[in-house]
């Protein structure tokens, strides 16, 4: 976002806002934000969005595709 964002929010593939939990951590520093998913499972795969909003209400988004592969036993 232009300038310093006043709000950074993450959304899961279903479009729901993510809140910190035992499985998901949100780390935000000034204009950077990081979503950490612990022990990710196949159901966590999809497109995650980070939305930044500045003081004037202008928003910008970035998307991240999370792919999860199952380890094949041989």
Protein backbone atom coordinates (compact mmCIF):
# COMPACT_ATOMS: atom_id res chain seq x y z
CA UNK A 1 0.00 0.00 0.00
CA UNK A 2 1.08 3.59 -0.45
CA UNK A 3 2.84 4.81 2.69
CA UNK A 4 2.63 2.83 5.89
CA UNK A 5 -0.34 0.46 5.95
CA UNK A 6 -2.51 0.82 9.03
CA UNK A 7 -3.92 -2.68 8.61
CA UNK A 8 -2.57 -5.91 7.12
CA UNK A 9 -4.97 -8.85 6.98
CA UNK A 10 -4.70 -12.39 5.63
CA UNK A 11 -7.53 -14.39 4.03
CA UNK A 12 -7.69 -18.15 3.52
CA UNK A 13 -8.70 -19.86 0.24
CA UNK A 14 -12.37 -19.74 1.34
CA UNK A 15 -12.15 -15.93 1.69
CA UNK A 16 -12.32 -15.90 5.50
CA UNK A 17 -10.06 -13.58 7.48
CA UNK A 18 -7.34 -15.52 9.28
CA UNK A 19 -6.78 -14.98 12.99
CA UNK A 20 -3.77 -16.28 14.89
CA UNK A 21 -4.20 -19.76 16.37
CA UNK A 22 -2.09 -22.72 17.46
CA UNK A 23 -1.70 -23.70 13.78
CA UNK A 24 -1.39 -20.27 12.19
CA UNK A 25 0.82 -17.36 13.19
CA UNK A 26 0.74 -13.85 11.78
CA UNK A 27 3.92 -11.76 11.99
CA UNK A 28 3.62 -8.14 10.96
CA UNK A 29 6.51 -5.65 10.97
CA UNK A 30 5.88 -2.14 9.65
CA UNK A 31 4.94 -2.80 6.01
CA UNK A 32 5.67 -6.55 5.93
CA UNK A 33 3.49 -9.41 6.99
CA UNK A 34 4.13 -13.14 7.12
CA UNK A 35 1.67 -16.00 7.53
CA UNK A 36 3.09 -19.19 9.04
CA UNK A 37 1.12 -22.44 8.93
CA UNK A 38 2.44 -25.10 11.28
CA UNK A 39 2.05 -28.77 10.30
CA UNK A 40 0.27 -27.86 7.08
CA UNK A 41 -2.12 -30.47 5.70
CA UNK A 42 -3.55 -31.09 2.22
CA UNK A 43 -6.70 -29.13 3.13
CA UNK A 44 -4.56 -26.01 3.72
CA UNK A 45 -3.63 -25.82 0.02
CA UNK A 46 -4.99 -22.94 -2.02
CA UNK A 47 -4.65 -19.24 -2.68
CA UNK A 48 -4.04 -17.01 0.35
CA UNK A 49 -4.44 -13.23 0.12
CA UNK A 50 -2.78 -10.48 2.12
CA UNK A 51 -4.64 -7.16 2.06
CA UNK A 52 -2.92 -3.92 3.07
CA UNK A 53 -4.96 -0.81 3.88
CA UNK A 54 -3.46 2.65 4.30
CA UNK A 55 -4.76 5.56 6.41
CA UNK A 56 -6.87 6.92 3.52
CA UNK A 57 -8.63 3.56 3.06
CA UNK A 58 -6.76 2.59 -0.13
CA UNK A 59 -6.18 -1.16 -0.30
CA UNK A 60 -3.75 -3.36 -2.19
CA UNK A 61 -3.56 -7.13 -2.24
CA UNK A 62 -0.98 -9.81 -2.87
CA UNK A 63 -1.73 -13.50 -3.34
CA UNK A 64 0.29 -16.57 -2.46
CA UNK A 65 -0.40 -20.06 -3.81
CA UNK A 66 0.23 -22.78 -1.25
CA UNK A 67 0.79 -26.22 -2.76
CA UNK A 68 1.12 -29.25 -0.53
CA UNK A 69 2.41 -32.59 -1.74
CA UNK A 70 1.94 -35.91 -0.04
CA UNK A 71 5.14 -37.88 0.44
CA UNK A 72 4.90 -41.19 -1.39
CA UNK A 73 6.05 -44.28 0.48
CA UNK A 74 8.16 -46.63 -1.59
